[in-house]
PDB file of all heavy atoms in Angstrom:
ATOM      1  N   GLY A   1      92.367  82.644 101.358  1.00  0.00           N
ATOM      2  CA  GLY A   1      92.751  82.674  99.960  1.00  0.00           C
ATOM      3  C   GLY A   1      92.451  81.357  99.277  1.00  0.00           C
ATOM      4  O   GLY A   1      91.963  80.404  99.897  1.00  0.00           O
ATOM      5  N   GLN A   2      92.742  81.312  97.991  1.00  0.00           N
ATOM      6  CA  GLN A   2      92.532  80.107  97.199  1.00  0.00           C
ATOM      7  C   GLN A   2      93.463  80.181  96.003  1.00  0.00           C
ATOM      8  O   GLN A   2      94.119  81.197  95.776  1.00  0.00           O
ATOM      9  CB  GLN A   2      91.067  79.974  96.775  1.00  0.00           C
ATOM     10  CG  GLN A   2      90.554  81.073  95.861  1.00  0.00           C
ATOM     11  CD  GLN A   2      90.815  80.808  94.385  1.00  0.00           C
ATOM     12  OE1 GLN A   2      90.493  79.746  93.862  1.00  0.00           O
ATOM     13  NE2 GLN A   2      91.435  81.774  93.705  1.00  0.00           N
ATOM     14  N   GLU A   3      93.529  79.123  95.210  1.00  0.00           N
ATOM     15  CA  GLU A   3      94.382  79.131  94.020  1.00  0.00           C
ATOM     16  C   GLU A   3      93.671  78.410  92.885  1.00  0.00           C
ATOM     17  O   GLU A   3      93.168  77.305  93.048  1.00  0.00           O
ATOM     18  CB  GLU A   3      95.755  78.529  94.329  1.00  0.00           C
ATOM     19  CG  GLU A   3      95.763  77.254  95.154  1.00  0.00           C
ATOM     20  CD  GLU A   3      95.557  76.017  94.324  1.00  0.00           C
ATOM     21  OE1 GLU A   3      96.324  75.797  93.373  1.00  0.00           O
ATOM     22  OE2 GLU A   3      94.610  75.265  94.619  1.00  0.00           O
ATOM     23  N   ASN A   4      93.570  79.114  91.751  1.00  0.00           N
ATOM     24  CA  ASN A   4      92.869  78.593  90.581  1.00  0.00           C
ATOM     25  C   ASN A   4      93.281  79.363  89.335  1.00  0.00           C
ATOM     26  O   ASN A   4      93.861  80.451  89.432  1.00  0.00           O
ATOM     27  CB  ASN A   4      91.347  78.712  90.776  1.00  0.00           C
ATOM     28  CG  ASN A   4      90.704  77.404  91.201  1.00  0.00           C
ATOM     29  OD1 ASN A   4      90.857  76.384  90.543  1.00  0.00           O
ATOM     30  ND2 ASN A   4      90.002  77.432  92.323  1.00  0.00           N
ATOM     31  N   PRO A   5      92.959  78.846  88.155  1.00  0.00           N
ATOM     32  CA  PRO A   5      93.203  79.597  86.924  1.00  0.00           C
ATOM     33  C   PRO A   5      92.300  80.832  86.832  1.00  0.00           C
ATOM     34  O   PRO A   5      91.266  80.921  87.504  1.00  0.00           O
ATOM     35  CB  PRO A   5      92.854  78.584  85.818  1.00  0.00           C
ATOM     36  CG  PRO A   5      92.927  77.249  86.469  1.00  0.00           C
ATOM     37  CD  PRO A   5      92.508  77.469  87.884  1.00  0.00           C
ATOM     38  N   PHE A   6      92.673  81.770  85.972  1.00  0.00           N
ATOM     39  CA  PHE A   6      91.890  82.987  85.777  1.00  0.00           C
ATOM     40  C   PHE A   6      90.417  82.689  85.499  1.00  0.00           C
ATOM     41  O   PHE A   6      89.524  83.371  86.015  1.00  0.00           O
ATOM     42  CB  PHE A   6      92.441  83.801  84.593  1.00  0.00           C
ATOM     43  CG  PHE A   6      93.833  84.340  84.786  1.00  0.00           C
ATOM     44  CD1 PHE A   6      94.666  84.516  83.688  1.00  0.00           C
ATOM     45  CD2 PHE A   6      94.303  84.684  86.038  1.00  0.00           C
ATOM     46  CE1 PHE A   6      95.942  85.026  83.837  1.00  0.00           C
ATOM     47  CE2 PHE A   6      95.592  85.193  86.206  1.00  0.00           C
ATOM     48  CZ  PHE A   6      96.412  85.363  85.096  1.00  0.00           C
ATOM     49  N   ALA A   7      90.156  81.684  84.661  1.00  0.00           N
ATOM     50  CA  ALA A   7      88.780  81.419  84.231  1.00  0.00           C
ATOM     51  C   ALA A   7      87.879  81.104  85.414  1.00  0.00           C
ATOM     52  O   ALA A   7      86.746  81.608  85.500  1.00  0.00           O
ATOM     53  CB  ALA A   7      88.762  80.260  83.233  1.00  0.00           C
ATOM     54  N   LEU A   8      88.350  80.274  86.327  1.00  0.00           N
ATOM     55  CA  LEU A   8      87.509  79.899  87.462  1.00  0.00           C
ATOM     56  C   LEU A   8      87.415  81.029  88.480  1.00  0.00           C
ATOM     57  O   LEU A   8      86.380  81.190  89.151  1.00  0.00           O
ATOM     58  CB  LEU A   8      88.023  78.615  88.109  1.00  0.00           C
ATOM     59  CG  LEU A   8      87.870  77.353  87.250  1.00  0.00           C
ATOM     60  CD1 LEU A   8      88.409  76.129  87.984  1.00  0.00           C
ATOM     61  CD2 LEU A   8      86.415  77.122  86.859  1.00  0.00           C
ATOM     62  N   ILE A   9      88.464  81.834  88.608  1.00  0.00           N
ATOM     63  CA  ILE A   9      88.405  83.012  89.474  1.00  0.00           C
ATOM     64  C   ILE A   9      87.323  83.959  88.963  1.00  0.00           C
ATOM     65  O   ILE A   9      86.518  84.501  89.729  1.00  0.00           O
ATOM     66  CB  ILE A   9      89.774  83.723  89.521  1.00  0.00           C
ATOM     67  CG1 ILE A   9      90.833  82.808  90.162  1.00  0.00           C
ATOM     68  CG2 ILE A   9      89.688  85.041  90.284  1.00  0.00           C
ATOM     69  CD1 ILE A   9      92.258  83.328  90.021  1.00  0.00           C
ATOM     70  N   LYS A  10      87.307  84.141  87.658  1.00  0.00           N
ATOM     71  CA  LYS A  10      86.305  85.029  87.044  1.00  0.00           C
ATOM     72  C   LYS A  10      84.895  84.451  87.158  1.00  0.00           C
ATOM     73  O   LYS A  10      83.962  85.126  87.618  1.00  0.00           O
ATOM     74  CB  LYS A  10      86.635  85.254  85.564  1.00  0.00           C
ATOM     75  CG  LYS A  10      85.577  86.065  84.809  1.00  0.00           C
ATOM     76  CD  LYS A  10      85.897  86.145  83.337  1.00  0.00           C
ATOM     77  CE  LYS A  10      85.633  84.846  82.621  1.00  0.00           C
ATOM     78  NZ  LYS A  10      84.306  84.680  82.070  1.00  0.00           N
ATOM     79  N   ASP A  11      84.741  83.198  86.730  1.00  0.00           N
ATOM     80  CA  ASP A  11      83.402  82.608  86.659  1.00  0.00           C
ATOM     81  C   ASP A  11      82.742  82.501  88.025  1.00  0.00           C
ATOM     82  O   ASP A  11      81.514  82.588  88.140  1.00  0.00           O
ATOM     83  CB  ASP A  11      83.472  81.223  86.005  1.00  0.00           C
ATOM     84  CG  ASP A  11      83.828  81.300  84.523  1.00  0.00           C
ATOM     85  OD1 ASP A  11      83.740  82.407  83.957  1.00  0.00           O
ATOM     86  OD2 ASP A  11      84.195  80.269  83.940  1.00  0.00           O
ATOM     87  N   ALA A  12      83.532  82.309  89.065  1.00  0.00           N
ATOM     88  CA  ALA A  12      82.975  82.192  90.417  1.00  0.00           C
ATOM     89  C   ALA A  12      82.841  83.551  91.108  1.00  0.00           C
ATOM     90  O   ALA A  12      82.388  83.622  92.254  1.00  0.00           O
ATOM     91  CB  ALA A  12      83.840  81.264  91.264  1.00  0.00           C
ATOM     92  N   GLY A  13      83.240  84.614  90.409  1.00  0.00           N
ATOM     93  CA  GLY A  13      83.123  85.944  90.996  1.00  0.00           C
ATOM     94  C   GLY A  13      84.051  86.186  92.169  1.00  0.00           C
ATOM     95  O   GLY A  13      83.783  87.034  93.019  1.00  0.00           O
ATOM     96  N   LEU A  14      85.170  85.460  92.214  1.00  0.00           N
ATOM     97  CA  LEU A  14      86.057  85.566  93.369  1.00  0.00           C
ATOM     98  C   LEU A  14      86.736  86.931  93.459  1.00  0.00           C
ATOM     99  O   LEU A  14      87.226  87.313  94.529  1.00  0.00           O
ATOM    100  CB  LEU A  14      87.106  84.451  93.339  1.00  0.00           C
ATOM    101  CG  LEU A  14      86.560  83.015  93.349  1.00  0.00           C
ATOM    102  CD1 LEU A  14      87.706  82.020  93.436  1.00  0.00           C
ATOM    103  CD2 LEU A  14      85.584  82.795  94.500  1.00  0.00           C
ATOM    104  N   TYR A  15      86.746  87.682  92.349  1.00  0.00           N
ATOM    105  CA  TYR A  15      87.298  89.041  92.369  1.00  0.00           C
ATOM    106  C   TYR A  15      86.492  89.950  93.299  1.00  0.00           C
ATOM    107  O   TYR A  15      86.977  91.001  93.727  1.00  0.00           O
ATOM    108  CB  TYR A  15      87.322  89.636  90.953  1.00  0.00           C
ATOM    109  CG  TYR A  15      85.985  89.551  90.248  1.00  0.00           C
ATOM    110  CD1 TYR A  15      85.002  90.523  90.440  1.00  0.00           C
ATOM    111  CD2 TYR A  15      85.697  88.495  89.391  1.00  0.00           C
ATOM    112  CE1 TYR A  15      83.775  90.441  89.815  1.00  0.00           C
ATOM    113  CE2 TYR A  15      84.476  88.402  88.760  1.00  0.00           C
ATOM    114  CZ  TYR A  15      83.516  89.367  88.974  1.00  0.00           C
ATOM    115  OH  TYR A  15      82.295  89.287  88.352  1.00  0.00           O
ATOM    116  N   GLU A  16      85.277  89.558  93.643  1.00  0.00           N
ATOM    117  CA  GLU A  16      84.458  90.354  94.563  1.00  0.00           C
ATOM    118  C   GLU A  16      84.928  90.219  96.006  1.00  0.00           C
ATOM    119  O   GLU A  16      84.637  91.087  96.842  1.00  0.00           O
ATOM    120  CB  GLU A  16      82.988  89.933  94.460  1.00  0.00           C
ATOM    121  CG  GLU A  16      82.359  90.193  93.092  1.00  0.00           C
ATOM    122  CD  GLU A  16      80.907  89.745  93.045  1.00  0.00           C
ATOM    123  OE1 GLU A  16      80.326  89.469  94.117  1.00  0.00           O
ATOM    124  OE2 GLU A  16      80.350  89.650  91.930  1.00  0.00           O
ATOM    125  N   VAL A  17      85.624  89.121  96.297  1.00  0.00           N
ATOM    126  CA  VAL A  17      86.046  88.866  97.685  1.00  0.00           C
ATOM    127  C   VAL A  17      87.552  88.661  97.815  1.00  0.00           C
ATOM    128  O   VAL A  17      88.040  88.320  98.885  1.00  0.00           O
ATOM    129  CB  VAL A  17      85.291  87.634  98.267  1.00  0.00           C
ATOM    130  CG1 VAL A  17      83.834  87.986  98.533  1.00  0.00           C
ATOM    131  CG2 VAL A  17      85.383  86.433  97.326  1.00  0.00           C
ATOM    132  N   GLN A  18      88.288  88.883  96.720  1.00  0.00           N
ATOM    133  CA  GLN A  18      89.746  88.773  96.739  1.00  0.00           C
ATOM    134  C   GLN A  18      90.329  89.948  95.961  1.00  0.00           C
ATOM    135  O   GLN A  18      89.929  90.213  94.816  1.00  0.00           O
ATOM    136  CB  GLN A  18      90.210  87.457  96.106  1.00  0.00           C
ATOM    137  CG  GLN A  18      89.750  86.207  96.849  1.00  0.00           C
ATOM    138  CD  GLN A  18      90.669  85.830  97.992  1.00  0.00           C
ATOM    139  OE1 GLN A  18      91.581  85.032  97.850  1.00  0.00           O
ATOM    140  NE2 GLN A  18      90.409  86.412  99.164  1.00  0.00           N
ATOM    141  N   LYS A  19      91.278  90.625  96.569  1.00  0.00           N
ATOM    142  CA  LYS A  19      91.842  91.839  95.968  1.00  0.00           C
ATOM    143  C   LYS A  19      93.049  91.547  95.086  1.00  0.00           C
ATOM    144  O   LYS A  19      93.231  92.167  94.040  1.00  0.00           O
ATOM    145  CB  LYS A  19      92.245  92.811  97.088  1.00  0.00           C
ATOM    146  CG  LYS A  19      92.944  94.079  96.634  1.00  0.00           C
ATOM    147  CD  LYS A  19      92.046  94.975  95.822  1.00  0.00           C
ATOM    148  CE  LYS A  19      92.756  96.289  95.482  1.00  0.00           C
ATOM    149  NZ  LYS A  19      91.948  97.118  94.561  1.00  0.00           N
ATOM    150  N   TYR A  20      93.894  90.615  95.500  1.00  0.00           N
ATOM    151  CA  TYR A  20      95.172  90.401  94.822  1.00  0.00           C
ATOM    152  C   TYR A  20      95.244  89.022  94.171  1.00  0.00           C
ATOM    153  O   TYR A  20      94.790  88.029  94.735  1.00  0.00           O
ATOM    154  CB  TYR A  20      96.335  90.550  95.810  1.00  0.00           C
ATOM    155  CG  TYR A  20      96.421  91.921  96.433  1.00  0.00           C
ATOM    156  CD1 TYR A  20      95.884  92.162  97.701  1.00  0.00           C
ATOM    157  CD2 TYR A  20      97.028  92.974  95.753  1.00  0.00           C
ATOM    158  CE1 TYR A  20      95.953  93.418  98.281  1.00  0.00           C
ATOM    159  CE2 TYR A  20      97.102  94.238  96.328  1.00  0.00           C
ATOM    160  CZ  TYR A  20      96.555  94.461  97.578  1.00  0.00           C
ATOM    161  OH  TYR A  20      96.626  95.709  98.145  1.00  0.00           O
ATOM    162  N   CYS A  21      95.863  88.999  93.006  1.00  0.00           N
ATOM    163  CA  CYS A  21      96.144  87.734  92.326  1.00  0.00           C
ATOM    164  C   CYS A  21      97.651  87.640  92.142  1.00  0.00           C
ATOM    165  O   CYS A  21      98.245  88.433  91.398  1.00  0.00           O
ATOM    166  CB  CYS A  21      95.433  87.670  90.972  1.00  0.00           C
ATOM    167  SG  CYS A  21      95.732  86.127  90.078  1.00  0.00           S
ATOM    168  N   MET A  22      98.251  86.694  92.850  1.00  0.00           N
ATOM    169  CA  MET A  22      99.696  86.480  92.771  1.00  0.00           C
ATOM    170  C   MET A  22     100.016  85.575  91.575  1.00  0.00           C
ATOM    171  O   MET A  22      99.485  84.471  91.472  1.00  0.00           O
ATOM    172  CB  MET A  22     100.202  85.829  94.066  1.00  0.00           C
ATOM    173  CG  MET A  22     100.490  86.805  95.195  1.00  0.00           C
ATOM    174  SD  MET A  22      99.170  87.962  95.657  1.00  0.00           S
ATOM    175  CE  MET A  22      97.993  86.894  96.477  1.00  0.00           C
ATOM    176  N   LEU A  23     100.893  86.029  90.686  1.00  0.00           N
ATOM    177  CA  LEU A  23     101.203  85.276  89.465  1.00  0.00           C
ATOM    178  C   LEU A  23     102.239  84.182  89.762  1.00  0.00           C
ATOM    179  O   LEU A  23     103.338  84.161  89.217  1.00  0.00           O
ATOM    180  CB  LEU A  23     101.690  86.236  88.386  1.00  0.00           C
ATOM    181  CG  LEU A  23     100.645  87.278  87.952  1.00  0.00           C
ATOM    182  CD1 LEU A  23     101.250  88.277  86.973  1.00  0.00           C
ATOM    183  CD2 LEU A  23      99.427  86.595  87.334  1.00  0.00           C
ATOM    184  N   THR A  24     101.837  83.264  90.617  1.00  0.00           N
ATOM    185  CA  THR A  24     102.701  82.136  90.972  1.00  0.00           C
ATOM    186  C   THR A  24     102.821  81.143  89.820  1.00  0.00           C
ATOM    187  O   THR A  24     103.858  80.508  89.655  1.00  0.00           O
ATOM    188  CB  THR A  24     102.136  81.411  92.200  1.00  0.00           C
ATOM    189  OG1 THR A  24     100.746  81.124  91.966  1.00  0.00           O
ATOM    190  CG2 THR A  24     102.261  82.261  93.452  1.00  0.00           C
ATOM    191  N   GLU A  25     101.745  80.974  89.065  1.00  0.00           N
ATOM    192  CA  GLU A  25     101.713  79.999  87.959  1.00  0.00           C
ATOM    193  C   GLU A  25     102.325  78.672  88.407  1.00  0.00           C
ATOM    194  O   GLU A  25     103.103  78.047  87.690  1.00  0.00           O
ATOM    195  CB  GLU A  25     102.446  80.555  86.739  1.00  0.00           C
ATOM    196  CG  GLU A  25     101.796  81.803  86.161  1.00  0.00           C
ATOM    197  CD  GLU A  25     102.480  82.316  84.913  1.00  0.00           C
ATOM    198  OE1 GLU A  25     103.739  82.223  84.831  1.00  0.00           O
ATOM    199  OE2 GLU A  25     101.791  82.807  84.018  1.00  0.00           O
ATOM    200  N   HIS A  26     101.942  78.255  89.607  1.00  0.00           N
ATOM    201  CA  HIS A  26     102.594  77.106  90.233  1.00  0.00           C
ATOM    202  C   HIS A  26     102.185  75.767  89.622  1.00  0.00           C
ATOM    203  O   HIS A  26     102.902  74.783  89.759  1.00  0.00           O
ATOM    204  CB  HIS A  26     102.321  77.084  91.740  1.00  0.00           C
ATOM    205  CG  HIS A  26     100.881  77.206  92.101  1.00  0.00           C
ATOM    206  ND1 HIS A  26     100.230  78.421  92.176  1.00  0.00           N
ATOM    207  CD2 HIS A  26      99.948  76.280  92.435  1.00  0.00           C
ATOM    208  CE1 HIS A  26      98.969  78.235  92.525  1.00  0.00           C
ATOM    209  NE2 HIS A  26      98.776  76.943  92.682  1.00  0.00           N
ATOM    210  N   VAL A  27     101.026  75.734  88.960  1.00  0.00           N
ATOM    211  CA  VAL A  27     100.619  74.507  88.275  1.00  0.00           C
ATOM    212  C   VAL A  27     100.136  74.858  86.878  1.00  0.00           C
ATOM    213  O   VAL A  27      99.196  75.630  86.697  1.00  0.00           O
ATOM    214  CB  VAL A  27      99.494  73.765  89.028  1.00  0.00           C
ATOM    215  CG1 VAL A  27      99.016  72.564  88.200  1.00  0.00           C
ATOM    216  CG2 VAL A  27      99.968  73.295  90.393  1.00  0.00           C
ATOM    217  N   LYS A  28     100.804  74.306  85.903  1.00  0.00           N
ATOM    218  CA  LYS A  28     100.343  74.360  84.511  1.00  0.00           C
ATOM    219  C   LYS A  28      99.898  72.948  84.180  1.00  0.00           C
ATOM    220  O   LYS A  28     100.703  72.009  84.176  1.00  0.00           O
ATOM    221  CB  LYS A  28     101.493  74.805  83.600  1.00  0.00           C
ATOM    222  CG  LYS A  28     101.110  74.960  82.143  1.00  0.00           C
ATOM    223  CD  LYS A  28     100.194  76.136  81.914  1.00  0.00           C
ATOM    224  CE  LYS A  28      99.889  76.322  80.423  1.00  0.00           C
ATOM    225  NZ  LYS A  28      98.818  77.313  80.223  1.00  0.00           N
ATOM    226  N   SER A  29      98.615  72.781  83.939  1.00  0.00           N
ATOM    227  CA  SER A  29      98.116  71.410  83.930  1.00  0.00           C
ATOM    228  C   SER A  29      97.091  71.172  82.830  1.00  0.00           C
ATOM    229  O   SER A  29      96.742  72.075  82.065  1.00  0.00           O
ATOM    230  CB  SER A  29      97.472  71.093  85.289  1.00  0.00           C
ATOM    231  OG  SER A  29      96.327  71.905  85.492  1.00  0.00           O
ATOM    232  N   TRP A  30      96.619  69.957  82.783  1.00  0.00           N
ATOM    233  CA  TRP A  30      95.526  69.617  81.894  1.00  0.00           C
ATOM    234  C   TRP A  30      94.499  68.794  82.678  1.00  0.00           C
ATOM    235  O   TRP A  30      94.792  68.216  83.710  1.00  0.00           O
ATOM    236  CB  TRP A  30      96.021  68.864  80.676  1.00  0.00           C
ATOM    237  CG  TRP A  30      96.586  67.493  80.889  1.00  0.00           C
ATOM    238  CD1 TRP A  30      95.938  66.310  80.743  1.00  0.00           C
ATOM    239  CD2 TRP A  30      97.946  67.147  81.243  1.00  0.00           C
ATOM    240  NE1 TRP A  30      96.785  65.243  80.988  1.00  0.00           N
ATOM    241  CE2 TRP A  30      98.027  65.733  81.294  1.00  0.00           C
ATOM    242  CE3 TRP A  30      99.090  67.885  81.520  1.00  0.00           C
ATOM    243  CZ2 TRP A  30      99.197  65.057  81.606  1.00  0.00           C
ATOM    244  CZ3 TRP A  30     100.248  67.213  81.841  1.00  0.00           C
ATOM    245  CH2 TRP A  30     100.299  65.820  81.880  1.00  0.00           C
ATOM    246  N   ALA A  31      93.287  68.807  82.171  1.00  0.00           N
ATOM    247  CA  ALA A  31      92.205  68.020  82.763  1.00  0.00           C
ATOM    248  C   ALA A  31      91.768  66.974  81.751  1.00  0.00           C
ATOM    249  O   ALA A  31      91.938  67.155  80.537  1.00  0.00           O
ATOM    250  CB  ALA A  31      91.024  68.916  83.133  1.00  0.00           C
ATOM    251  N   TYR A  32      91.212  65.891  82.247  1.00  0.00           N
ATOM    252  CA  TYR A  32      90.702  64.847  81.370  1.00  0.00           C
ATOM    253  C   TYR A  32      89.184  64.875  81.315  1.00  0.00           C
ATOM    254  O   TYR A  32      88.513  65.139  82.328  1.00  0.00           O
ATOM    255  CB  TYR A  32      91.139  63.463  81.871  1.00  0.00           C
ATOM    256  CG  TYR A  32      92.575  63.141  81.584  1.00  0.00           C
ATOM    257  CD1 TYR A  32      93.505  62.976  82.612  1.00  0.00           C
ATOM    258  CD2 TYR A  32      93.025  62.988  80.272  1.00  0.00           C
ATOM    259  CE1 TYR A  32      94.826  62.678  82.347  1.00  0.00           C
ATOM    260  CE2 TYR A  32      94.345  62.691  79.996  1.00  0.00           C
ATOM    261  CZ  TYR A  32      95.241  62.536  81.033  1.00  0.00           C
ATOM    262  OH  TYR A  32      96.561  62.246  80.751  1.00  0.00           O
ATOM    263  N   VAL A  33      88.656  64.608  80.148  1.00  0.00           N
ATOM    264  CA  VAL A  33      87.248  64.225  80.029  1.00  0.00           C
ATOM    265  C   VAL A  33      87.240  62.707  80.118  1.00  0.00           C
ATOM    266  O   VAL A  33      87.839  62.031  79.268  1.00  0.00           O
ATOM    267  CB  VAL A  33      86.628  64.680  78.696  1.00  0.00           C
ATOM    268  CG1 VAL A  33      85.153  64.285  78.638  1.00  0.00           C
ATOM    269  CG2 VAL A  33      86.792  66.182  78.524  1.00  0.00           C
ATOM    270  N   VAL A  34      86.651  62.178  81.171  1.00  0.00           N
ATOM    271  CA  VAL A  34      86.645  60.734  81.377  1.00  0.00           C
ATOM    272  C   VAL A  34      85.218  60.199  81.275  1.00  0.00           C
ATOM    273  O   VAL A  34      84.253  60.878  81.629  1.00  0.00           O
ATOM    274  CB  VAL A  34      87.268  60.323  82.731  1.00  0.00           C
ATOM    275  CG1 VAL A  34      88.732  60.702  82.784  1.00  0.00           C
ATOM    276  CG2 VAL A  34      86.515  60.935  83.908  1.00  0.00           C
TER     277      VAL A  34
END
């Protein structure tokens, strides 16, 4: 398994190799442009 936001799960096509998405929402975060 792995853990990521919806966007990266979609963009990487992980739905093709992962059946379930657990709504843990364990990290709500931000990224920096540095």
